[in-house]
Amino acid sequence: MASYRDINIAFTKNSFTDDLNVVDDSTAIKQSIKNILLTFNGERSFEPKFGAQIQKNIFEPSTLSSSTLNIDLIEILNTFEPRIKVKNVSTSYQTGNLKISINYDYFFDGKVINEDAVVSVS
């Protein structure tokens, strides 16, 4: 049985039950991380501080202090995704593309699981 379950962001329907499809466990967490990173502050009603505003960093000079951004992202993810504990975030810039790699732990079935997620923003 799944410990973590969220609605699939694609809003596709299950052909048998006609309900919305869901994502479980690791996929649910990765989907949530992506949602947090791609949401602008103030975009979510009644939660003005939710989000990371990553899109504003896409065209910043590559000399932008990525260590400050990494620290900010760790704090944001640990705040808004309580199922995980972020261990490390690294960012890399290429022309018009920001790649964010996140290493995190989460508790599942009595064990601590370590996983990685990658979010690319163009």
C-alpha atoms as a PDB file:
ATOM      1  CA  MET A   1       0.000   0.000   0.000  1.00  0.00           C
ATOM      2  CA  ALA A   2       1.251   3.472  -0.858  1.00  0.00           C
ATOM      3  CA  SER A   3       2.325   5.764   1.955  1.00  0.00           C
ATOM      4  CA  TYR A   4       2.316   8.919  -0.139  1.00  0.00           C
ATOM      5  CA  ARG A   5      -0.373   9.612  -2.697  1.00  0.00           C
ATOM      6  CA  ASP A   6      -1.144  12.721  -4.757  1.00  0.00           C
ATOM      7  CA  ILE A   7      -3.318  13.564  -7.737  1.00  0.00           C
ATOM      8  CA  ASN A   8      -1.436  13.238 -11.011  1.00  0.00           C
ATOM      9  CA  ILE A   9      -0.688  16.746 -12.245  1.00  0.00           C
ATOM     10  CA  ALA A  10      -1.636  15.722 -15.795  1.00  0.00           C
ATOM     11  CA  PHE A  11      -5.265  15.356 -14.585  1.00  0.00           C
ATOM     12  CA  THR A  12      -5.789  12.191 -16.615  1.00  0.00           C
ATOM     13  CA  LYS A  13      -8.765   9.945 -15.840  1.00  0.00           C
ATOM     14  CA  ASN A  14      -8.709   6.294 -14.886  1.00  0.00           C
ATOM     15  CA  SER A  15     -10.552   4.450 -17.675  1.00  0.00           C
ATOM     16  CA  PHE A  16     -12.150   1.960 -15.258  1.00  0.00           C
ATOM     17  CA  THR A  17     -13.277   4.199 -12.379  1.00  0.00           C
ATOM     18  CA  ASP A  18     -13.524   7.534 -14.221  1.00  0.00           C
ATOM     19  CA  ASP A  19     -11.649   9.109 -11.289  1.00  0.00           C
ATOM     20  CA  LEU A  20      -8.487  11.163 -11.605  1.00  0.00           C
ATOM     21  CA  ASN A  21      -5.288   9.114 -11.726  1.00  0.00           C
ATOM     22  CA  VAL A  22      -2.963   9.306  -8.755  1.00  0.00           C
ATOM     23  CA  VAL A  23       0.780   9.015  -8.311  1.00  0.00           C
ATOM     24  CA  ASP A  24       2.320   7.143  -5.402  1.00  0.00           C
ATOM     25  CA  ASP A  25       5.344   7.347  -3.150  1.00  0.00           C
ATOM     26  CA  SER A  26       8.543   8.409  -4.961  1.00  0.00           C
ATOM     27  CA  THR A  27       6.670   9.775  -7.982  1.00  0.00           C
ATOM     28  CA  ALA A  28       4.375  11.832  -5.734  1.00  0.00           C
ATOM     29  CA  ILE A  29       7.354  13.387  -3.962  1.00  0.00           C
ATOM     30  CA  LYS A  30       9.175  14.194  -7.217  1.00  0.00           C
ATOM     31  CA  GLN A  31       6.013  15.761  -8.637  1.00  0.00           C
ATOM     32  CA  SER A  32       5.658  17.897  -5.497  1.00  0.00           C
ATOM     33  CA  ILE A  33       9.290  19.059  -5.696  1.00  0.00           C
ATOM     34  CA  LYS A  34       8.792  20.128  -9.307  1.00  0.00           C
ATOM     35  CA  ASN A  35       5.568  21.965  -8.420  1.00  0.00           C
ATOM     36  CA  ILE A  36       7.272  23.880  -5.612  1.00  0.00           C
ATOM     37  CA  LEU A  37      10.226  24.901  -7.764  1.00  0.00           C
ATOM     38  CA  LEU A  38       8.119  26.030 -10.713  1.00  0.00           C
ATOM     39  CA  THR A  39       5.599  28.064  -8.678  1.00  0.00           C
ATOM     40  CA  PHE A  40       6.041  31.826  -8.272  1.00  0.00           C
ATOM     41  CA  ASN A  41       5.518  33.376  -4.849  1.00  0.00           C
ATOM     42  CA  GLY A  42       1.947  34.645  -4.661  1.00  0.00           C
ATOM     43  CA  GLU A  43       0.737  32.364  -7.437  1.00  0.00           C
ATOM     44  CA  ARG A  44      -1.056  30.038  -5.009  1.00  0.00           C
ATOM     45  CA  SER A  45      -4.113  31.560  -3.361  1.00  0.00           C
ATOM     46  CA  PHE A  46      -3.871  32.096   0.402  1.00  0.00           C
ATOM     47  CA  GLU A  47      -0.214  30.964   0.439  1.00  0.00           C
ATOM     48  CA  PRO A  48       1.757  34.014  -0.741  1.00  0.00           C
ATOM     49  CA  LYS A  49       5.155  32.626   0.308  1.00  0.00           C
ATOM     50  CA  PHE A  50       4.722  29.235  -1.389  1.00  0.00           C
ATOM     51  CA  GLY A  51       7.081  28.652  -4.312  1.00  0.00           C
ATOM     52  CA  ALA A  52      10.641  29.279  -5.391  1.00  0.00           C
ATOM     53  CA  GLN A  53      10.480  31.694  -8.328  1.00  0.00           C
ATOM     54  CA  ILE A  54      13.137  29.693 -10.171  1.00  0.00           C
ATOM     55  CA  GLN A  55      12.130  31.094 -13.569  1.00  0.00           C
ATOM     56  CA  LYS A  56      13.612  34.478 -12.657  1.00  0.00           C
ATOM     57  CA  ASN A  57      17.082  32.862 -12.457  1.00  0.00           C
ATOM     58  CA  ILE A  58      17.125  31.386 -15.954  1.00  0.00           C
ATOM     59  CA  PHE A  59      18.690  34.365 -17.691  1.00  0.00           C
ATOM     60  CA  GLU A  60      20.871  35.535 -14.822  1.00  0.00           C
ATOM     61  CA  PRO A  61      24.596  35.681 -15.553  1.00  0.00           C
ATOM     62  CA  SER A  62      26.369  32.424 -14.814  1.00  0.00           C
ATOM     63  CA  THR A  63      28.461  34.366 -12.314  1.00  0.00           C
ATOM     64  CA  LEU A  64      25.359  34.561 -10.087  1.00  0.00           C
ATOM     65  CA  SER A  65      26.207  33.010  -6.755  1.00  0.00           C
ATOM     66  CA  SER A  66      24.751  29.536  -7.120  1.00  0.00           C
ATOM     67  CA  SER A  67      25.646  28.729  -3.506  1.00  0.00           C
ATOM     68  CA  THR A  68      23.113  31.326  -2.305  1.00  0.00           C
ATOM     69  CA  LEU A  69      20.492  29.900  -4.667  1.00  0.00           C
ATOM     70  CA  ASN A  70      21.258  26.355  -3.489  1.00  0.00           C
ATOM     71  CA  ILE A  71      20.855  27.319   0.168  1.00  0.00           C
ATOM     72  CA  ASP A  72      17.566  29.091  -0.624  1.00  0.00           C
ATOM     73  CA  LEU A  73      16.265  26.025  -2.487  1.00  0.00           C
ATOM     74  CA  ILE A  74      17.141  23.702   0.403  1.00  0.00           C
ATOM     75  CA  GLU A  75      15.228  25.941   2.803  1.00  0.00           C
ATOM     76  CA  ILE A  76      12.226  26.254   0.463  1.00  0.00           C
ATOM     77  CA  LEU A  77      11.977  22.504  -0.177  1.00  0.00           C
ATOM     78  CA  ASN A  78      12.393  21.565   3.489  1.00  0.00           C
ATOM     79  CA  THR A  79       9.674  24.090   4.372  1.00  0.00           C
ATOM     80  CA  PHE A  80       7.052  23.251   1.753  1.00  0.00           C
ATOM     81  CA  GLU A  81       7.634  19.503   1.296  1.00  0.00           C
ATOM     82  CA  PRO A  82       7.560  18.037   4.823  1.00  0.00           C
ATOM     83  CA  ARG A  83       7.929  14.448   3.579  1.00  0.00           C
ATOM     84  CA  ILE A  84      11.576  15.006   2.650  1.00  0.00           C
ATOM     85  CA  LYS A  85      14.828  16.177   4.180  1.00  0.00           C
ATOM     86  CA  VAL A  86      17.004  17.790   1.502  1.00  0.00           C
ATOM     87  CA  LYS A  87      20.662  16.796   1.744  1.00  0.00           C
ATOM     88  CA  ASN A  88      22.127  18.655  -1.213  1.00  0.00           C
ATOM     89  CA  VAL A  89      21.114  20.910  -4.099  1.00  0.00           C
ATOM     90  CA  SER A  90      23.299  21.743  -7.064  1.00  0.00           C
ATOM     91  CA  THR A  91      22.520  24.016  -9.970  1.00  0.00           C
ATOM     92  CA  SER A  92      24.093  24.327 -13.378  1.00  0.00           C
ATOM     93  CA  TYR A  93      23.479  27.051 -15.943  1.00  0.00           C
ATOM     94  CA  GLN A  94      23.541  26.718 -19.698  1.00  0.00           C
ATOM     95  CA  THR A  95      22.240  29.228 -22.190  1.00  0.00           C
ATOM     96  CA  GLY A  96      18.601  29.762 -21.251  1.00  0.00           C
ATOM     97  CA  ASN A  97      18.476  26.572 -19.174  1.00  0.00           C
ATOM     98  CA  LEU A  98      18.770  26.016 -15.439  1.00  0.00           C
ATOM     99  CA  LYS A  99      19.260  22.436 -14.234  1.00  0.00           C
ATOM    100  CA  ILE A 100      18.580  21.741 -10.554  1.00  0.00           C
ATOM    101  CA  SER A 101      19.709  18.460  -8.996  1.00  0.00           C
ATOM    102  CA  ILE A 102      18.288  17.619  -5.577  1.00  0.00           C
ATOM    103  CA  ASN A 103      19.406  14.830  -3.263  1.00  0.00           C
ATOM    104  CA  TYR A 104      16.990  14.076  -0.414  1.00  0.00           C
ATOM    105  CA  ASP A 105      15.898  11.477   2.116  1.00  0.00           C
ATOM    106  CA  TYR A 106      12.378  10.390   2.970  1.00  0.00           C
ATOM    107  CA  PHE A 107      10.905   7.842   5.361  1.00  0.00           C
ATOM    108  CA  PHE A 108       9.081   4.913   3.749  1.00  0.00           C
ATOM    109  CA  ASP A 109       8.012   1.531   5.116  1.00  0.00           C
ATOM    110  CA  GLY A 110      10.214   1.839   8.194  1.00  0.00           C
ATOM    111  CA  LYS A 111      13.319   2.760   6.199  1.00  0.00           C
ATOM    112  CA  VAL A 112      15.061   5.954   5.166  1.00  0.00           C
ATOM    113  CA  ILE A 113      15.219   6.146   1.375  1.00  0.00           C
ATOM    114  CA  ASN A 114      17.736   8.374  -0.411  1.00  0.00           C
ATOM    115  CA  GLU A 115      16.767   9.622  -3.867  1.00  0.00           C
ATOM    116  CA  ASP A 116      17.662  12.230  -6.455  1.00  0.00           C
ATOM    117  CA  ALA A 117      15.412  14.472  -8.498  1.00  0.00           C
ATOM    118  CA  VAL A 118      16.336  16.687 -11.435  1.00  0.00           C
ATOM    119  CA  VAL A 119      14.275  19.677 -12.524  1.00  0.00           C
ATOM    120  CA  SER A 120      15.122  21.582 -15.683  1.00  0.00           C
ATOM    121  CA  VAL A 121      13.763  25.057 -16.292  1.00  0.00           C
ATOM    122  CA  SER A 122      13.960  26.643 -19.740  1.00  0.00           C
END
